[in-house]
Every structure is written in structure tokens, then in C-alpha cells.
Amino acid sequence: MPIIKSAKKRVKVARKATVRNVKTKRSLKTALKAFVAKPAAKTQSAAQSNLDKAVKKGVISKKKAARKKSQLASTAKKAGVKPATGTKKAAAKPAAKKTTAAAKPAVKKAPAKKPAAKKAPAKKPAAKK
């Protein structure tokens, strides 16, 4: 057991970080196993999301996450899973109405004026001592 106050604090901080990291790793493993058991677009996106969260928290490296995502994609492709297209927000929006050029004439904006360049102040002769 540490005696120094800062060392005691480090032990507490390390314990908290360990618990947090174990939780993140467990959720990542669960998501990956769920995808392997039943390859689907939903489970694939959940697994990729968990990979991103693990990278953000520093539990796994960026390159490992990229490698795992690539493996997920190739497994999904072999299983015939179609990737999820778009987001819920995009699907919920109705198609925008198209306007023609005749309906609204184009208005040209005047170019922005540049500020006048400031002149450097004239140098004063050095004062004699």
C-alpha cells in the first residue's frame, strides 16, 4: 500500500479507469459476438459504434478499430448484408421542391470592398544625448 498521498490518489484513479475500461471492452466484445452470431445491418452498425467509442476512450488503438471494421464489412458482404443507407433524419424529411430559374431571378451581389491599406508612420530621427 502506498504511503505518499499522490501515490494513494493514483491507486484510486487507476481503479476507476480499470473499471471503466473493462466495461467498454465487455460491451465491445458483446457487440462483436452479436454480429458474428447474426450478421445484420443493425448489429454491424452497433459493433462499429462500440469500436468508435472504445477508440475515443483510449481502450483500443485507432488502427485496431479500423482493422476490425474492415473485417466486419467483409463478413457482412459474404453474408449478403446490405449496409444501412442514410439516417433516420434523412428518411423522415420529405423531398425538397425544385424551383426553376425563371421563378427566382438570380441576384448578383456587389463585391466586398477592401479596407484601405495603412501607411507605416514616418521614422523620427534619433534624439541626441
Protein backbone atom coordinates (compact mmCIF):
# COMPACT_ATOMS: atom_id res chain seq x y z
CA MET A 1 0.00 0.00 0.00
CA PRO A 2 1.41 3.41 -0.90
CA ILE A 3 2.31 5.88 1.81
CA ILE A 4 2.59 9.09 -0.20
CA LYS A 5 -0.65 10.99 -0.76
CA SER A 6 -0.21 11.36 -4.55
CA ALA A 7 0.52 7.62 -4.89
CA LYS A 8 -2.68 6.84 -2.96
CA LYS A 9 -4.62 9.02 -5.37
CA ARG A 10 -3.04 7.28 -8.37
CA VAL A 11 -4.25 3.92 -7.00
CA LYS A 12 -7.82 5.28 -6.75
CA VAL A 13 -7.69 6.77 -10.24
CA ALA A 14 -6.24 3.58 -11.71
CA ARG A 15 -9.03 1.50 -10.14
CA LYS A 16 -11.71 3.77 -11.62
CA ALA A 17 -10.06 3.69 -15.04
CA THR A 18 -9.79 -0.10 -14.90
CA VAL A 19 -13.50 -0.46 -14.15
CA ARG A 20 -14.37 1.94 -16.98
CA ASN A 21 -12.08 0.17 -19.46
CA VAL A 22 -13.38 -3.29 -18.54
CA LYS A 23 -16.96 -2.09 -19.08
CA THR A 24 -16.07 -0.66 -22.51
CA LYS A 25 -14.23 -3.84 -23.54
CA ARG A 26 -17.12 -6.04 -22.38
CA SER A 27 -19.70 -4.05 -24.39
CA LEU A 28 -17.39 -4.16 -27.43
CA LYS A 29 -16.95 -7.94 -27.20
CA THR A 30 -20.71 -8.42 -26.75
CA ALA A 31 -21.47 -6.32 -29.83
CA LEU A 32 -18.89 -8.17 -31.95
CA LYS A 33 -20.23 -11.57 -30.84
CA ALA A 34 -23.80 -10.45 -31.59
CA PHE A 35 -22.77 -9.55 -35.14
CA VAL A 36 -20.93 -12.84 -35.67
CA ALA A 37 -23.96 -14.79 -34.36
CA LYS A 38 -26.44 -12.92 -36.56
CA PRO A 39 -24.95 -10.73 -39.29
CA ALA A 40 -27.35 -7.86 -39.95
CA ALA A 41 -27.07 -4.16 -40.74
CA LYS A 42 -28.27 -3.22 -37.27
CA THR A 43 -25.76 -5.42 -35.43
CA GLN A 44 -22.99 -4.27 -37.75
CA SER A 45 -23.66 -0.60 -37.02
CA ALA A 46 -23.85 -1.34 -33.28
CA ALA A 47 -20.47 -3.10 -33.42
CA GLN A 48 -18.90 -0.25 -35.38
CA SER A 49 -20.33 2.26 -32.92
CA ASN A 50 -18.83 0.34 -29.99
CA LEU A 51 -15.48 0.24 -31.79
CA ASP A 52 -15.58 4.01 -32.23
CA LYS A 53 -16.44 4.52 -28.56
CA ALA A 54 -13.56 2.27 -27.47
CA VAL A 55 -11.14 4.29 -29.61
CA LYS A 56 -12.49 7.56 -28.22
CA LYS A 57 -11.94 6.33 -24.65
CA GLY A 58 -8.46 5.07 -25.49
CA VAL A 59 -9.21 1.41 -24.79
CA ILE A 60 -8.10 0.20 -28.23
CA SER A 61 -5.96 1.79 -30.90
CA LYS A 62 -7.30 3.57 -33.96
CA LYS A 63 -5.66 1.06 -36.31
CA LYS A 64 -7.12 -1.94 -34.49
CA ALA A 65 -10.59 -0.41 -34.77
CA ALA A 66 -10.09 0.19 -38.50
CA ARG A 67 -8.97 -3.40 -38.96
CA LYS A 68 -11.98 -4.74 -37.03
CA LYS A 69 -14.38 -2.54 -39.03
CA SER A 70 -12.88 -3.86 -42.25
CA GLN A 71 -13.33 -7.42 -41.02
CA LEU A 72 -16.93 -6.67 -40.10
CA ALA A 73 -17.59 -5.24 -43.55
CA SER A 74 -16.10 -8.23 -45.34
CA THR A 75 -18.08 -10.65 -43.13
CA ALA A 76 -21.25 -8.68 -43.83
CA LYS A 77 -20.57 -8.74 -47.56
CA LYS A 78 -20.05 -12.53 -47.52
CA ALA A 79 -23.28 -12.93 -45.55
CA GLY A 80 -25.13 -10.74 -48.06
CA VAL A 81 -25.96 -7.96 -45.60
CA LYS A 82 -26.84 -4.66 -47.21
CA PRO A 83 -25.32 -1.64 -45.47
CA ALA A 84 -27.76 0.68 -43.73
CA THR A 85 -28.49 3.56 -46.14
CA GLY A 86 -28.91 7.08 -44.80
CA THR A 87 -30.03 8.12 -41.37
CA LYS A 88 -33.40 8.41 -39.72
CA LYS A 89 -33.35 12.17 -40.21
CA ALA A 90 -32.77 11.87 -43.94
CA ALA A 91 -35.53 9.27 -44.30
CA ALA A 92 -38.02 11.37 -42.36
CA LYS A 93 -37.52 14.51 -44.48
CA PRO A 94 -39.84 14.92 -47.46
CA ALA A 95 -38.30 15.61 -50.86
CA ALA A 96 -37.47 19.28 -51.37
CA LYS A 97 -39.41 21.16 -54.03
CA LYS A 98 -37.37 22.14 -57.05
CA THR A 99 -37.58 25.74 -58.22
CA THR A 100 -36.84 26.89 -61.71
CA ALA A 101 -34.54 29.74 -62.66
CA ALA A 102 -37.49 31.67 -64.15
CA ALA A 103 -39.33 31.67 -60.82
CA LYS A 104 -36.49 33.40 -58.95
CA PRO A 105 -34.14 35.63 -60.91
CA ALA A 106 -30.51 35.45 -59.85
CA VAL A 107 -29.34 38.47 -57.87
CA LYS A 108 -25.68 39.36 -58.10
CA LYS A 109 -24.01 40.72 -55.02
CA ALA A 110 -21.56 43.59 -55.26
CA PRO A 111 -18.00 42.55 -54.45
CA ALA A 112 -16.88 43.38 -50.93
CA LYS A 113 -14.76 46.49 -50.64
CA LYS A 114 -11.24 46.03 -49.39
CA PRO A 115 -10.14 48.22 -46.50
CA ALA A 116 -7.63 50.94 -47.36
CA ALA A 117 -4.03 49.95 -46.70
CA LYS A 118 -2.49 51.75 -43.74
CA LYS A 119 0.72 53.59 -44.33
CA ALA A 120 3.62 52.99 -41.97
CA PRO A 121 4.35 56.05 -39.80
CA ALA A 122 7.41 58.08 -40.82
CA LYS A 123 10.54 57.30 -38.83
CA LYS A 124 11.66 60.00 -36.47
CA PRO A 125 15.34 60.90 -36.32
CA ALA A 126 17.15 59.55 -33.28
CA ALA A 127 17.36 62.01 -30.39
CA LYS A 128 20.82 63.25 -29.44
CA LYS A 129 22.02 62.62 -25.91
